[in-house]
Amino acid sequence: MKTFFITNRYSFLEKQVDEYMQSLLVKTPEQVILYFERQIRKYKVYLQKKHHYPECMVQSIHRLIEEYSLIIIKVKKYISYQNKLMNKQLLEPQ
């Protein structure tokens, strides 16, 4: 049952990660993580200068940081599942 859940969750995340990779024109999930981490850093710099922006803009930046953080978590989870499934396949007798 646990393997079934991991496989289904992996398939779902794989589709999402593939979409991120295609839209960002990158080849690996790690590059997706790097992109969103870079974006988060950039938006945090904007927030340090928040007195230059209206409140609605600051709220939008906060939402983007939240959303990008969740994407990073998803991609890391995908990589984790990918590693688990690869290890399981390596351990199974052929």
N, C-alpha and C. Protein backbone atom coordinates (compact mmCIF):
# COMPACT_ATOMS: atom_id res chain seq x y z
N MET A 1 0.83 -1.20 0.00
CA MET A 1 0.00 0.00 0.00
C MET A 1 0.87 1.26 0.00
N LYS A 2 1.93 1.25 0.81
CA LYS A 2 2.80 2.41 0.88
C LYS A 2 3.48 2.66 -0.47
N THR A 3 3.91 1.61 -1.13
CA THR A 3 4.54 1.74 -2.43
C THR A 3 3.56 2.31 -3.44
N PHE A 4 2.31 1.88 -3.37
CA PHE A 4 1.27 2.38 -4.26
C PHE A 4 1.10 3.89 -4.08
N PHE A 5 1.04 4.33 -2.82
CA PHE A 5 0.90 5.75 -2.53
C PHE A 5 2.09 6.53 -3.07
N ILE A 6 3.29 6.05 -2.83
CA ILE A 6 4.49 6.73 -3.29
C ILE A 6 4.50 6.80 -4.82
N THR A 7 4.12 5.72 -5.47
CA THR A 7 4.11 5.69 -6.93
C THR A 7 3.09 6.69 -7.48
N ASN A 8 1.90 6.72 -6.91
CA ASN A 8 0.87 7.68 -7.37
C ASN A 8 1.29 9.12 -7.11
N ARG A 9 1.80 9.35 -5.93
CA ARG A 9 2.25 10.71 -5.58
C ARG A 9 3.42 11.11 -6.49
N TYR A 10 4.30 10.17 -6.74
CA TYR A 10 5.44 10.43 -7.62
C TYR A 10 4.95 10.80 -9.02
N SER A 11 3.99 10.07 -9.54
CA SER A 11 3.46 10.35 -10.88
C SER A 11 2.85 11.75 -10.96
N PHE A 12 2.11 12.10 -9.93
CA PHE A 12 1.50 13.43 -9.87
C PHE A 12 2.58 14.51 -9.85
N LEU A 13 3.57 14.35 -8.99
CA LEU A 13 4.63 15.34 -8.88
C LEU A 13 5.49 15.38 -10.14
N GLU A 14 5.68 14.21 -10.74
CA GLU A 14 6.49 14.15 -11.96
C GLU A 14 5.87 15.01 -13.06
N LYS A 15 4.56 14.93 -13.19
CA LYS A 15 3.86 15.73 -14.20
C LYS A 15 4.05 17.22 -13.91
N GLN A 16 3.91 17.61 -12.66
CA GLN A 16 4.07 19.02 -12.30
C GLN A 16 5.50 19.50 -12.54
N VAL A 17 6.46 18.70 -12.12
CA VAL A 17 7.86 19.08 -12.28
C VAL A 17 8.21 19.16 -13.76
N ASP A 18 7.70 18.24 -14.56
CA ASP A 18 7.93 18.30 -16.01
C ASP A 18 7.39 19.60 -16.60
N GLU A 19 6.23 20.01 -16.14
CA GLU A 19 5.65 21.26 -16.62
C GLU A 19 6.52 22.46 -16.23
N TYR A 20 7.03 22.46 -14.99
CA TYR A 20 7.93 23.54 -14.58
C TYR A 20 9.19 23.54 -15.44
N MET A 21 9.73 22.36 -15.68
CA MET A 21 10.96 22.26 -16.47
C MET A 21 10.72 22.77 -17.89
N GLN A 22 9.59 22.42 -18.48
CA GLN A 22 9.28 22.88 -19.84
C GLN A 22 9.07 24.39 -19.89
N SER A 23 8.35 24.91 -18.93
CA SER A 23 8.06 26.35 -18.96
C SER A 23 9.31 27.18 -18.66
N LEU A 24 10.21 26.64 -17.85
CA LEU A 24 11.44 27.37 -17.52
C LEU A 24 12.59 27.05 -18.48
N LEU A 25 12.36 26.09 -19.37
CA LEU A 25 13.38 25.66 -20.32
C LEU A 25 14.65 25.16 -19.63
N VAL A 26 14.45 24.32 -18.64
CA VAL A 26 15.58 23.71 -17.94
C VAL A 26 15.50 22.20 -18.08
N LYS A 27 16.58 21.52 -17.73
CA LYS A 27 16.66 20.08 -17.98
C LYS A 27 16.56 19.22 -16.72
N THR A 28 16.74 19.81 -15.55
CA THR A 28 16.70 19.01 -14.34
C THR A 28 15.82 19.66 -13.27
N PRO A 29 15.29 18.86 -12.37
CA PRO A 29 14.49 19.43 -11.26
C PRO A 29 15.33 20.35 -10.36
N GLU A 30 16.60 20.06 -10.25
CA GLU A 30 17.47 20.89 -9.42
C GLU A 30 17.55 22.31 -9.98
N GLN A 31 17.51 22.44 -11.29
CA GLN A 31 17.53 23.76 -11.91
C GLN A 31 16.23 24.51 -11.64
N VAL A 32 15.14 23.78 -11.53
CA VAL A 32 13.87 24.40 -11.17
C VAL A 32 13.98 24.99 -9.77
N ILE A 33 14.55 24.22 -8.86
CA ILE A 33 14.74 24.70 -7.49
C ILE A 33 15.60 25.95 -7.48
N LEU A 34 16.70 25.91 -8.21
CA LEU A 34 17.60 27.07 -8.25
C LEU A 34 16.89 28.32 -8.78
N TYR A 35 16.08 28.14 -9.81
CA TYR A 35 15.35 29.27 -10.37
C TYR A 35 14.43 29.90 -9.32
N PHE A 36 13.63 29.07 -8.67
CA PHE A 36 12.68 29.62 -7.71
C PHE A 36 13.37 30.17 -6.46
N GLU A 37 14.47 29.58 -6.06
CA GLU A 37 15.24 30.14 -4.93
C GLU A 37 15.78 31.52 -5.30
N ARG A 38 16.25 31.66 -6.51
CA ARG A 38 16.76 32.95 -6.98
C ARG A 38 15.63 33.99 -6.99
N GLN A 39 14.46 33.57 -7.45
CA GLN A 39 13.32 34.49 -7.48
C GLN A 39 12.93 34.92 -6.06
N ILE A 40 12.94 33.99 -5.15
CA ILE A 40 12.59 34.31 -3.75
C ILE A 40 13.59 35.32 -3.19
N ARG A 41 14.86 35.09 -3.44
CA ARG A 41 15.87 36.05 -2.95
C ARG A 41 15.62 37.45 -3.53
N LYS A 42 15.30 37.51 -4.82
CA LYS A 42 15.04 38.78 -5.48
C LYS A 42 13.84 39.48 -4.84
N TYR A 43 12.77 38.73 -4.57
CA TYR A 43 11.58 39.33 -3.99
C TYR A 43 11.82 39.75 -2.54
N LYS A 44 12.65 39.04 -1.84
CA LYS A 44 12.96 39.44 -0.47
C LYS A 44 13.71 40.77 -0.45
N VAL A 45 14.55 40.98 -1.44
CA VAL A 45 15.23 42.27 -1.56
C VAL A 45 14.20 43.37 -1.81
N TYR A 46 13.21 43.09 -2.66
CA TYR A 46 12.14 44.07 -2.88
C TYR A 46 11.43 44.39 -1.57
N LEU A 47 11.21 43.38 -0.76
CA LEU A 47 10.50 43.61 0.50
C LEU A 47 11.32 44.44 1.48
N GLN A 48 12.61 44.36 1.39
CA GLN A 48 13.45 45.19 2.25
C GLN A 48 13.26 46.67 1.92
N LYS A 49 12.85 46.94 0.71
CA LYS A 49 12.61 48.32 0.27
C LYS A 49 11.12 48.59 0.17
N LYS A 50 10.34 47.95 1.00
CA LYS A 50 8.89 48.00 0.85
C LYS A 50 8.30 49.40 1.01
N HIS A 51 9.00 50.30 1.62
CA HIS A 51 8.46 51.65 1.73
C HIS A 51 8.37 52.34 0.36
N HIS A 52 9.00 51.74 -0.65
CA HIS A 52 8.94 52.28 -2.00
C HIS A 52 7.75 51.73 -2.79
N TYR A 53 7.05 50.77 -2.22
CA TYR A 53 5.96 50.11 -2.94
C TYR A 53 4.65 50.26 -2.18
N PRO A 54 3.54 50.29 -2.91
CA PRO A 54 2.23 50.31 -2.22
C PRO A 54 1.97 48.97 -1.52
N GLU A 55 1.09 49.01 -0.56
CA GLU A 55 0.80 47.83 0.24
C GLU A 55 0.30 46.65 -0.60
N CYS A 56 -0.49 46.91 -1.61
CA CYS A 56 -0.99 45.82 -2.45
C CYS A 56 0.16 45.11 -3.16
N MET A 57 1.17 45.85 -3.53
CA MET A 57 2.35 45.26 -4.18
C MET A 57 3.12 44.39 -3.18
N VAL A 58 3.24 44.86 -1.98
CA VAL A 58 3.94 44.11 -0.93
C VAL A 58 3.21 42.79 -0.66
N GLN A 59 1.89 42.84 -0.62
CA GLN A 59 1.10 41.62 -0.41
C GLN A 59 1.28 40.64 -1.56
N SER A 60 1.32 41.16 -2.76
CA SER A 60 1.53 40.30 -3.93
C SER A 60 2.91 39.63 -3.88
N ILE A 61 3.89 40.37 -3.46
CA ILE A 61 5.24 39.81 -3.34
C ILE A 61 5.26 38.71 -2.29
N HIS A 62 4.57 38.94 -1.18
CA HIS A 62 4.48 37.90 -0.13
C HIS A 62 3.83 36.64 -0.69
N ARG A 63 2.78 36.80 -1.46
CA ARG A 63 2.11 35.63 -2.05
C ARG A 63 3.03 34.89 -3.02
N LEU A 64 3.77 35.63 -3.80
CA LEU A 64 4.71 34.99 -4.73
C LEU A 64 5.78 34.20 -3.98
N ILE A 65 6.29 34.78 -2.92
CA ILE A 65 7.30 34.08 -2.11
C ILE A 65 6.71 32.80 -1.54
N GLU A 66 5.48 32.89 -1.04
CA GLU A 66 4.80 31.69 -0.52
C GLU A 66 4.62 30.63 -1.60
N GLU A 67 4.13 31.06 -2.74
CA GLU A 67 3.88 30.12 -3.84
C GLU A 67 5.19 29.47 -4.32
N TYR A 68 6.22 30.27 -4.48
CA TYR A 68 7.50 29.73 -4.94
C TYR A 68 8.10 28.79 -3.90
N SER A 69 7.91 29.09 -2.64
CA SER A 69 8.39 28.20 -1.58
C SER A 69 7.69 26.85 -1.66
N LEU A 70 6.39 26.87 -1.92
CA LEU A 70 5.64 25.62 -2.06
C LEU A 70 6.11 24.83 -3.29
N ILE A 71 6.42 25.51 -4.35
CA ILE A 71 6.93 24.82 -5.54
C ILE A 71 8.26 24.15 -5.23
N ILE A 72 9.11 24.84 -4.50
CA ILE A 72 10.41 24.26 -4.12
C ILE A 72 10.19 23.00 -3.28
N ILE A 73 9.26 23.05 -2.35
CA ILE A 73 8.95 21.89 -1.52
C ILE A 73 8.47 20.73 -2.38
N LYS A 74 7.59 21.02 -3.35
CA LYS A 74 7.09 19.96 -4.25
C LYS A 74 8.22 19.32 -5.04
N VAL A 75 9.09 20.14 -5.57
CA VAL A 75 10.18 19.61 -6.39
C VAL A 75 11.14 18.79 -5.53
N LYS A 76 11.41 19.25 -4.33
CA LYS A 76 12.27 18.47 -3.42
C LYS A 76 11.62 17.15 -3.06
N LYS A 77 10.32 17.16 -2.85
CA LYS A 77 9.58 15.93 -2.56
C LYS A 77 9.65 14.98 -3.75
N TYR A 78 9.50 15.51 -4.93
CA TYR A 78 9.61 14.72 -6.16
C TYR A 78 10.99 14.06 -6.23
N ILE A 79 12.03 14.81 -5.98
CA ILE A 79 13.39 14.27 -6.01
C ILE A 79 13.54 13.18 -4.96
N SER A 80 12.96 13.40 -3.79
CA SER A 80 13.01 12.40 -2.73
C SER A 80 12.32 11.10 -3.15
N TYR A 81 11.11 11.23 -3.72
CA TYR A 81 10.39 10.05 -4.21
C TYR A 81 11.17 9.36 -5.33
N GLN A 82 11.76 10.17 -6.19
CA GLN A 82 12.54 9.62 -7.30
C GLN A 82 13.69 8.78 -6.75
N ASN A 83 14.36 9.28 -5.74
CA ASN A 83 15.46 8.54 -5.12
C ASN A 83 14.97 7.26 -4.45
N LYS A 84 13.83 7.34 -3.76
CA LYS A 84 13.28 6.15 -3.11
C LYS A 84 12.92 5.07 -4.13
N LEU A 85 12.27 5.49 -5.21
CA LEU A 85 11.88 4.53 -6.23
C LEU A 85 13.09 3.93 -6.94
N MET A 86 14.09 4.74 -7.19
CA MET A 86 15.31 4.23 -7.82
C MET A 86 16.01 3.23 -6.91
N ASN A 87 16.09 3.56 -5.63
CA ASN A 87 16.72 2.64 -4.67
C ASN A 87 15.94 1.34 -4.58
N LYS A 88 14.62 1.44 -4.58
CA LYS A 88 13.78 0.25 -4.51
C LYS A 88 14.00 -0.63 -5.73
N GLN A 89 14.09 -0.03 -6.91
CA GLN A 89 14.30 -0.78 -8.13
C GLN A 89 15.67 -1.45 -8.14
N LEU A 90 16.65 -0.78 -7.57
CA LEU A 90 17.99 -1.35 -7.51
C LEU A 90 18.05 -2.55 -6.57
N LEU A 91 17.23 -2.51 -5.52
CA LEU A 91 17.24 -3.58 -4.54
C LEU A 91 16.40 -4.79 -4.94
N GLU A 92 15.45 -4.58 -5.85
CA GLU A 92 14.59 -5.69 -6.26
C GLU A 92 15.37 -6.66 -7.15
N PRO A 93 15.16 -7.98 -6.91
CA PRO A 93 15.80 -8.96 -7.80
C PRO A 93 15.17 -8.90 -9.19
N GLN A 94 15.97 -9.10 -10.18
CA GLN A 94 15.49 -9.02 -11.56
C GLN A 94 15.01 -10.35 -12.05
